[in-house]
């Protein structure tokens, strides 16, 4: 691939060239991880789940919701009182 350039805006934003977005399949909502080594900037694409709620579906199945609320309330009280 040919060398591509992008200009840094006043707000330090950069538009990723279309050819790069296509090649790396970068989509809205993806996260970019930046690493600097000397004057070299490395960028890694981190794919995030499209629907984060779908990943926890069923996680509380069979759980005693009342017990979870009680524990949560107890932790909150300890925190507010500086005990935990």
PDB file of N, CA and C in Angstrom:
ATOM      1  N   UNK A   1       0.852  -1.180   0.000  1.00  0.00           N
ATOM      2  CA  UNK A   1       0.000   0.000   0.000  1.00  0.00           C
ATOM      3  C   UNK A   1       0.893   1.238   0.000  1.00  0.00           C
ATOM      4  N   UNK A   2       0.467   2.226  -0.746  1.00  0.00           N
ATOM      5  CA  UNK A   2       1.221   3.474  -0.837  1.00  0.00           C
ATOM      6  C   UNK A   2       1.160   4.219   0.499  1.00  0.00           C
ATOM      7  N   UNK A   3       2.093   5.096   0.694  1.00  0.00           N
ATOM      8  CA  UNK A   3       2.115   5.912   1.908  1.00  0.00           C
ATOM      9  C   UNK A   3       0.940   6.873   1.888  1.00  0.00           C
ATOM     10  N   UNK A   4       0.198   6.923   2.980  1.00  0.00           N
ATOM     11  CA  UNK A   4      -0.944   7.824   3.094  1.00  0.00           C
ATOM     12  C   UNK A   4      -0.689   8.792   4.236  1.00  0.00           C
ATOM     13  N   UNK A   5      -1.189  10.009   4.092  1.00  0.00           N
ATOM     14  CA  UNK A   5      -0.979  11.025   5.112  1.00  0.00           C
ATOM     15  C   UNK A   5      -2.314  11.602   5.553  1.00  0.00           C
ATOM     16  N   UNK A   6      -2.357  12.080   6.790  1.00  0.00           N
ATOM     17  CA  UNK A   6      -3.540  12.743   7.326  1.00  0.00           C
ATOM     18  C   UNK A   6      -3.072  13.930   8.152  1.00  0.00           C
ATOM     19  N   UNK A   7      -3.845  14.991   8.120  1.00  0.00           N
ATOM     20  CA  UNK A   7      -3.492  16.203   8.843  1.00  0.00           C
ATOM     21  C   UNK A   7      -4.156  16.194  10.220  1.00  0.00           C
ATOM     22  N   UNK A   8      -3.426  16.662  11.220  1.00  0.00           N
ATOM     23  CA  UNK A   8      -3.961  16.781  12.581  1.00  0.00           C
ATOM     24  C   UNK A   8      -4.717  18.102  12.668  1.00  0.00           C
ATOM     25  N   UNK A   9      -5.990  18.029  13.133  1.00  0.00           N
ATOM     26  CA  UNK A   9      -6.820  19.234  13.216  1.00  0.00           C
ATOM     27  C   UNK A   9      -6.459  20.047  14.455  1.00  0.00           C
ATOM     28  N   UNK A  10      -7.115  21.196  14.599  1.00  0.00           N
ATOM     29  CA  UNK A  10      -6.890  22.053  15.772  1.00  0.00           C
ATOM     30  C   UNK A  10      -7.239  21.331  17.074  1.00  0.00           C
ATOM     31  N   UNK A  11      -8.167  20.379  16.995  1.00  0.00           N
ATOM     32  CA  UNK A  11      -8.568  19.603  18.184  1.00  0.00           C
ATOM     33  C   UNK A  11      -7.784  18.293  18.282  1.00  0.00           C
ATOM     34  N   UNK A  12      -6.694  18.190  17.545  1.00  0.00           N
ATOM     35  CA  UNK A  12      -5.823  17.016  17.519  1.00  0.00           C
ATOM     36  C   UNK A  12      -6.541  15.768  17.014  1.00  0.00           C
ATOM     37  N   UNK A  13      -7.514  15.949  16.131  1.00  0.00           N
ATOM     38  CA  UNK A  13      -8.219  14.831  15.529  1.00  0.00           C
ATOM     39  C   UNK A  13      -7.598  14.518  14.179  1.00  0.00           C
ATOM     40  N   UNK A  14      -7.664  13.221  13.817  1.00  0.00           N
ATOM     41  CA  UNK A  14      -7.119  12.764  12.538  1.00  0.00           C
ATOM     42  C   UNK A  14      -8.151  11.870  11.879  1.00  0.00           C
ATOM     43  N   UNK A  15      -8.383  12.074  10.584  1.00  0.00           N
ATOM     44  CA  UNK A  15      -9.281  11.189   9.848  1.00  0.00           C
ATOM     45  C   UNK A  15      -8.465  10.049   9.270  1.00  0.00           C
ATOM     46  N   UNK A  16      -8.901   8.827   9.531  1.00  0.00           N
ATOM     47  CA  UNK A  16      -8.196   7.653   9.013  1.00  0.00           C
ATOM     48  C   UNK A  16      -8.550   7.518   7.538  1.00  0.00           C
ATOM     49  N   UNK A  17      -7.540   7.469   6.661  1.00  0.00           N
ATOM     50  CA  UNK A  17      -7.816   7.360   5.229  1.00  0.00           C
ATOM     51  C   UNK A  17      -8.704   6.146   4.907  1.00  0.00           C
ATOM     52  N   UNK A  18      -9.589   6.326   3.943  1.00  0.00           N
ATOM     53  CA  UNK A  18     -10.572   5.304   3.572  1.00  0.00           C
ATOM     54  C   UNK A  18      -9.922   3.969   3.237  1.00  0.00           C
ATOM     55  N   UNK A  19      -8.815   3.989   2.484  1.00  0.00           N
ATOM     56  CA  UNK A  19      -8.135   2.737   2.110  1.00  0.00           C
ATOM     57  C   UNK A  19      -7.680   1.957   3.348  1.00  0.00           C
ATOM     58  N   UNK A  20      -7.198   2.671   4.362  1.00  0.00           N
ATOM     59  CA  UNK A  20      -6.758   2.034   5.603  1.00  0.00           C
ATOM     60  C   UNK A  20      -7.969   1.481   6.360  1.00  0.00           C
ATOM     61  N   UNK A  21      -9.050   2.275   6.445  1.00  0.00           N
ATOM     62  CA  UNK A  21     -10.265   1.814   7.131  1.00  0.00           C
ATOM     63  C   UNK A  21     -10.784   0.531   6.505  1.00  0.00           C
ATOM     64  N   UNK A  22     -10.776   0.491   5.183  1.00  0.00           N
ATOM     65  CA  UNK A  22     -11.268  -0.710   4.476  1.00  0.00           C
ATOM     66  C   UNK A  22     -10.346  -1.903   4.725  1.00  0.00           C
ATOM     67  N   UNK A  23      -9.054  -1.686   4.559  1.00  0.00           N
ATOM     68  CA  UNK A  23      -8.087  -2.785   4.702  1.00  0.00           C
ATOM     69  C   UNK A  23      -8.127  -3.377   6.108  1.00  0.00           C
ATOM     70  N   UNK A  24      -8.255  -2.531   7.136  1.00  0.00           N
ATOM     71  CA  UNK A  24      -8.249  -3.000   8.521  1.00  0.00           C
ATOM     72  C   UNK A  24      -9.661  -3.240   9.068  1.00  0.00           C
ATOM     73  N   UNK A  25     -10.666  -3.022   8.200  1.00  0.00           N
ATOM     74  CA  UNK A  25     -12.074  -3.202   8.588  1.00  0.00           C
ATOM     75  C   UNK A  25     -12.434  -2.400   9.839  1.00  0.00           C
ATOM     76  N   UNK A  26     -11.982  -1.161   9.864  1.00  0.00           N
ATOM     77  CA  UNK A  26     -12.279  -0.273  10.990  1.00  0.00           C
ATOM     78  C   UNK A  26     -13.693   0.260  10.809  1.00  0.00           C
ATOM     79  N   UNK A  27     -14.496   0.129  11.878  1.00  0.00           N
ATOM     80  CA  UNK A  27     -15.882   0.576  11.839  1.00  0.00           C
ATOM     81  C   UNK A  27     -16.152   1.536  12.992  1.00  0.00           C
ATOM     82  N   UNK A  28     -17.257   2.256  12.896  1.00  0.00           N
ATOM     83  CA  UNK A  28     -17.676   3.129  13.996  1.00  0.00           C
ATOM     84  C   UNK A  28     -17.805   2.287  15.254  1.00  0.00           C
ATOM     85  N   UNK A  29     -17.342   2.831  16.362  1.00  0.00           N
ATOM     86  CA  UNK A  29     -17.440   2.117  17.627  1.00  0.00           C
ATOM     87  C   UNK A  29     -16.208   1.299  17.968  1.00  0.00           C
ATOM     88  N   UNK A  30     -15.341   1.037  16.984  1.00  0.00           N
ATOM     89  CA  UNK A  30     -14.100   0.324  17.273  1.00  0.00           C
ATOM     90  C   UNK A  30     -13.201   1.223  18.107  1.00  0.00           C
ATOM     91  N   UNK A  31     -12.314   0.618  18.862  1.00  0.00           N
ATOM     92  CA  UNK A  31     -11.371   1.373  19.683  1.00  0.00           C
ATOM     93  C   UNK A  31      -9.989   1.244  19.049  1.00  0.00           C
ATOM     94  N   UNK A  32      -9.242   2.336  19.072  1.00  0.00           N
ATOM     95  CA  UNK A  32      -7.865   2.321  18.592  1.00  0.00           C
ATOM     96  C   UNK A  32      -6.930   2.404  19.789  1.00  0.00           C
ATOM     97  N   UNK A  33      -5.938   1.538  19.810  1.00  0.00           N
ATOM     98  CA  UNK A  33      -4.958   1.510  20.893  1.00  0.00           C
ATOM     99  C   UNK A  33      -3.673   2.115  20.341  1.00  0.00           C
ATOM    100  N   UNK A  34      -3.163   3.155  21.011  1.00  0.00           N
ATOM    101  CA  UNK A  34      -1.966   3.857  20.555  1.00  0.00           C
ATOM    102  C   UNK A  34      -0.768   3.462  21.403  1.00  0.00           C
ATOM    103  N   UNK A  35       0.351   3.178  20.720  1.00  0.00           N
ATOM    104  CA  UNK A  35       1.609   2.897  21.409  1.00  0.00           C
ATOM    105  C   UNK A  35       2.701   3.719  20.718  1.00  0.00           C
ATOM    106  N   UNK A  36       3.506   4.361  21.531  1.00  0.00           N
ATOM    107  CA  UNK A  36       4.591   5.176  20.979  1.00  0.00           C
ATOM    108  C   UNK A  36       5.925   4.564  21.379  1.00  0.00           C
ATOM    109  N   UNK A  37       6.812   4.486  20.405  1.00  0.00           N
ATOM    110  CA  UNK A  37       8.178   4.004  20.650  1.00  0.00           C
ATOM    111  C   UNK A  37       9.096   4.965  19.895  1.00  0.00           C
ATOM    112  N   UNK A  38       9.746   5.814  20.672  1.00  0.00           N
ATOM    113  CA  UNK A  38      10.542   6.856  20.031  1.00  0.00           C
ATOM    114  C   UNK A  38       9.600   7.778  19.269  1.00  0.00           C
ATOM    115  N   UNK A  39       9.883   7.987  17.996  1.00  0.00           N
ATOM    116  CA  UNK A  39       9.013   8.827  17.166  1.00  0.00           C
ATOM    117  C   UNK A  39       8.061   7.995  16.313  1.00  0.00           C
ATOM    118  N   UNK A  40       7.960   6.714  16.624  1.00  0.00           N
ATOM    119  CA  UNK A  40       7.075   5.823  15.865  1.00  0.00           C
ATOM    120  C   UNK A  40       5.779   5.633  16.646  1.00  0.00           C
ATOM    121  N   UNK A  41       4.654   5.831  15.965  1.00  0.00           N
ATOM    122  CA  UNK A  41       3.345   5.638  16.563  1.00  0.00           C
ATOM    123  C   UNK A  41       2.729   4.384  15.958  1.00  0.00           C
ATOM    124  N   UNK A  42       2.385   3.443  16.834  1.00  0.00           N
ATOM    125  CA  UNK A  42       1.723   2.218  16.380  1.00  0.00           C
ATOM    126  C   UNK A  42       0.273   2.289  16.819  1.00  0.00           C
ATOM    127  N   UNK A  43      -0.629   1.901  15.933  1.00  0.00           N
ATOM    128  CA  UNK A  43      -2.058   1.936  16.230  1.00  0.00           C
ATOM    129  C   UNK A  43      -2.623   0.542  15.982  1.00  0.00           C
ATOM    130  N   UNK A  44      -3.309   0.020  16.983  1.00  0.00           N
ATOM    131  CA  UNK A  44      -3.926  -1.299  16.869  1.00  0.00           C
ATOM    132  C   UNK A  44      -5.440  -1.129  16.952  1.00  0.00           C
ATOM    133  N   UNK A  45      -6.165  -1.862  16.110  1.00  0.00           N
ATOM    134  CA  UNK A  45      -7.621  -1.801  16.111  1.00  0.00           C
ATOM    135  C   UNK A  45      -8.142  -2.834  17.105  1.00  0.00           C
ATOM    136  N   UNK A  46      -8.988  -2.366  18.005  1.00  0.00           N
ATOM    137  CA  UNK A  46      -9.604  -3.254  18.997  1.00  0.00           C
ATOM    138  C   UNK A  46     -11.101  -3.283  18.715  1.00  0.00           C
ATOM    139  N   UNK A  47     -11.592  -4.436  18.292  1.00  0.00           N
ATOM    140  CA  UNK A  47     -13.014  -4.584  17.989  1.00  0.00           C
ATOM    141  C   UNK A  47     -13.788  -4.722  19.292  1.00  0.00           C
ATOM    142  N   UNK A  48     -14.818  -3.912  19.454  1.00  0.00           N
ATOM    143  CA  UNK A  48     -15.666  -3.989  20.632  1.00  0.00           C
ATOM    144  C   UNK A  48     -16.975  -4.660  20.243  1.00  0.00           C
ATOM    145  N   UNK A  49     -17.627  -5.306  21.196  1.00  0.00           N
ATOM    146  CA  UNK A  49     -18.902  -5.944  20.879  1.00  0.00           C
ATOM    147  C   UNK A  49     -19.903  -4.912  20.374  1.00  0.00           C
ATOM    148  N   UNK A  50     -20.685  -5.291  19.385  1.00  0.00           N
ATOM    149  CA  UNK A  50     -21.682  -4.371  18.831  1.00  0.00           C
ATOM    150  C   UNK A  50     -22.774  -4.070  19.841  1.00  0.00           C
ATOM    151  N   UNK A  51     -23.157  -5.060  20.629  1.00  0.00           N
ATOM    152  CA  UNK A  51     -24.202  -4.890  21.627  1.00  0.00           C
ATOM    153  C   UNK A  51     -23.690  -5.455  22.944  1.00  0.00           C
ATOM    154  N   UNK A  52     -23.080  -4.617  23.789  1.00  0.00           N
ATOM    155  CA  UNK A  52     -22.492  -5.117  25.030  1.00  0.00           C
ATOM    156  C   UNK A  52     -23.489  -5.833  25.926  1.00  0.00           C
ATOM    157  N   UNK A  53     -24.762  -5.447  25.864  1.00  0.00           N
ATOM    158  CA  UNK A  53     -25.779  -6.085  26.694  1.00  0.00           C
ATOM    159  C   UNK A  53     -25.958  -7.545  26.297  1.00  0.00           C
ATOM    160  N   UNK A  54     -25.812  -7.848  25.016  1.00  0.00           N
ATOM    161  CA  UNK A  54     -25.976  -9.226  24.547  1.00  0.00           C
ATOM    162  C   UNK A  54     -24.963 -10.156  25.202  1.00  0.00           C
ATOM    163  N   UNK A  55     -23.800  -9.642  25.562  1.00  0.00           N
ATOM    164  CA  UNK A  55     -22.765 -10.477  26.171  1.00  0.00           C
ATOM    165  C   UNK A  55     -23.082 -10.874  27.603  1.00  0.00           C
ATOM    166  N   UNK A  56     -23.998 -10.170  28.259  1.00  0.00           N
ATOM    167  CA  UNK A  56     -24.323 -10.513  29.648  1.00  0.00           C
ATOM    168  C   UNK A  56     -25.694 -11.155  29.770  1.00  0.00           C
ATOM    169  N   UNK A  57     -26.340 -11.378  28.641  1.00  0.00           N
ATOM    170  CA  UNK A  57     -27.653 -11.996  28.644  1.00  0.00           C
ATOM    171  C   UNK A  57     -27.593 -13.342  29.365  1.00  0.00           C
ATOM    172  N   UNK A  58     -28.426 -13.504  30.377  1.00  0.00           N
ATOM    173  CA  UNK A  58     -28.494 -14.762  31.111  1.00  0.00           C
ATOM    174  C   UNK A  58     -27.506 -14.885  32.251  1.00  0.00           C
ATOM    175  N   UNK A  59     -26.663 -13.886  32.467  1.00  0.00           N
ATOM    176  CA  UNK A  59     -25.622 -13.994  33.488  1.00  0.00           C
ATOM    177  C   UNK A  59     -26.224 -14.089  34.902  1.00  0.00           C
ATOM    178  N   UNK A  60     -27.403 -13.494  35.099  1.00  0.00           N
ATOM    179  CA  UNK A  60     -28.032 -13.535  36.416  1.00  0.00           C
ATOM    180  C   UNK A  60     -29.142 -14.589  36.507  1.00  0.00           C
ATOM    181  N   UNK A  61     -29.214 -15.441  35.506  1.00  0.00           N
ATOM    182  CA  UNK A  61     -30.252 -16.466  35.494  1.00  0.00           C
ATOM    183  C   UNK A  61     -30.161 -17.334  36.754  1.00  0.00           C
ATOM    184  N   UNK A  62     -31.264 -17.437  37.458  1.00  0.00           N
ATOM    185  CA  UNK A  62     -31.304 -18.253  38.664  1.00  0.00           C
ATOM    186  C   UNK A  62     -30.772 -17.543  39.905  1.00  0.00           C
ATOM    187  N   UNK A  63     -30.303 -16.316  39.757  1.00  0.00           N
ATOM    188  CA  UNK A  63     -29.749 -15.591  40.905  1.00  0.00           C
ATOM    189  C   UNK A  63     -30.873 -15.037  41.775  1.00  0.00           C
ATOM    190  N   UNK A  64     -30.617 -14.932  43.061  1.00  0.00           N
ATOM    191  CA  UNK A  64     -31.562 -14.338  44.008  1.00  0.00           C
ATOM    192  C   UNK A  64     -31.361 -12.825  43.963  1.00  0.00           C
ATOM    193  N   UNK A  65     -32.225 -12.137  43.229  1.00  0.00           N
ATOM    194  CA  UNK A  65     -32.090 -10.694  43.022  1.00  0.00           C
ATOM    195  C   UNK A  65     -32.173  -9.933  44.351  1.00  0.00           C
ATOM    196  N   UNK A  66     -33.037 -10.378  45.260  1.00  0.00           N
ATOM    197  CA  UNK A  66     -33.146  -9.735  46.564  1.00  0.00           C
ATOM    198  C   UNK A  66     -31.828  -9.782  47.316  1.00  0.00           C
ATOM    199  N   UNK A  67     -31.164 -10.936  47.273  1.00  0.00           N
ATOM    200  CA  UNK A  67     -29.857 -11.097  47.932  1.00  0.00           C
ATOM    201  C   UNK A  67     -28.817 -10.184  47.287  1.00  0.00           C
ATOM    202  N   UNK A  68     -28.835 -10.099  45.959  1.00  0.00           N
ATOM    203  CA  UNK A  68     -27.892  -9.220  45.258  1.00  0.00           C
ATOM    204  C   UNK A  68     -28.112  -7.761  45.651  1.00  0.00           C
ATOM    205  N   UNK A  69     -29.375  -7.353  45.769  1.00  0.00           N
ATOM    206  CA  UNK A  69     -29.682  -5.978  46.172  1.00  0.00           C
ATOM    207  C   UNK A  69     -29.186  -5.713  47.593  1.00  0.00           C
ATOM    208  N   UNK A  70     -29.415  -6.680  48.482  1.00  0.00           N
ATOM    209  CA  UNK A  70     -28.990  -6.520  49.873  1.00  0.00           C
ATOM    210  C   UNK A  70     -27.478  -6.374  49.956  1.00  0.00           C
ATOM    211  N   UNK A  71     -26.746  -7.249  49.274  1.00  0.00           N
ATOM    212  CA  UNK A  71     -25.276  -7.163  49.287  1.00  0.00           C
ATOM    213  C   UNK A  71     -24.794  -5.837  48.713  1.00  0.00           C
ATOM    214  N   UNK A  72     -25.427  -5.423  47.622  1.00  0.00           N
ATOM    215  CA  UNK A  72     -25.040  -4.163  46.988  1.00  0.00           C
ATOM    216  C   UNK A  72     -25.292  -2.991  47.928  1.00  0.00           C
ATOM    217  N   UNK A  73     -26.439  -3.002  48.608  1.00  0.00           N
ATOM    218  CA  UNK A  73     -26.760  -1.924  49.548  1.00  0.00           C
ATOM    219  C   UNK A  73     -25.770  -1.916  50.713  1.00  0.00           C
ATOM    220  N   UNK A  74     -25.388  -3.104  51.194  1.00  0.00           N
ATOM    221  CA  UNK A  74     -24.424  -3.186  52.289  1.00  0.00           C
ATOM    222  C   UNK A  74     -23.067  -2.631  51.880  1.00  0.00           C
ATOM    223  N   UNK A  75     -22.616  -2.974  50.680  1.00  0.00           N
ATOM    224  CA  UNK A  75     -21.330  -2.453  50.187  1.00  0.00           C
ATOM    225  C   UNK A  75     -21.375  -0.938  50.057  1.00  0.00           C
ATOM    226  N   UNK A  76     -22.495  -0.424  49.554  1.00  0.00           N
ATOM    227  CA  UNK A  76     -22.648   1.023  49.387  1.00  0.00           C
ATOM    228  C   UNK A  76     -22.600   1.727  50.738  1.00  0.00           C
ATOM    229  N   UNK A  77     -23.283   1.197  51.724  1.00  0.00           N
ATOM    230  CA  UNK A  77     -23.279   1.801  53.060  1.00  0.00           C
ATOM    231  C   UNK A  77     -21.871   1.789  53.663  1.00  0.00           C
ATOM    232  N   UNK A  78     -21.161   0.666  53.539  1.00  0.00           N
ATOM    233  CA  UNK A  78     -19.790   0.578  54.060  1.00  0.00           C
ATOM    234  C   UNK A  78     -18.916   1.619  53.389  1.00  0.00           C
ATOM    235  N   UNK A  79     -19.080   1.753  52.091  1.00  0.00           N
ATOM    236  CA  UNK A  79     -18.287   2.728  51.334  1.00  0.00           C
ATOM    237  C   UNK A  79     -18.589   4.156  51.815  1.00  0.00           C
ATOM    238  N   UNK A  80     -19.869   4.470  51.946  1.00  0.00           N
ATOM    239  CA  UNK A  80     -20.258   5.819  52.378  1.00  0.00           C
ATOM    240  C   UNK A  80     -19.799   6.120  53.797  1.00  0.00           C
ATOM    241  N   UNK A  81     -19.731   5.090  54.619  1.00  0.00           N
ATOM    242  CA  UNK A  81     -19.282   5.276  56.006  1.00  0.00           C
ATOM    243  C   UNK A  81     -17.753   5.183  56.139  1.00  0.00           C
ATOM    244  N   UNK A  82     -17.090   4.891  55.035  1.00  0.00           N
ATOM    245  CA  UNK A  82     -15.644   4.786  55.046  1.00  0.00           C
ATOM    246  C   UNK A  82     -15.135   3.504  55.686  1.00  0.00           C
ATOM    247  N   UNK A  83     -15.972   2.466  55.672  1.00  0.00           N
ATOM    248  CA  UNK A  83     -15.592   1.195  56.299  1.00  0.00           C
ATOM    249  C   UNK A  83     -15.133   0.148  55.295  1.00  0.00           C
ATOM    250  N   UNK A  84     -15.243   0.433  54.005  1.00  0.00           N
ATOM    251  CA  UNK A  84     -14.895  -0.627  53.059  1.00  0.00           C
ATOM    252  C   UNK A  84     -14.330  -0.169  51.794  1.00  0.00           C
TER     253      UNK A  84
END
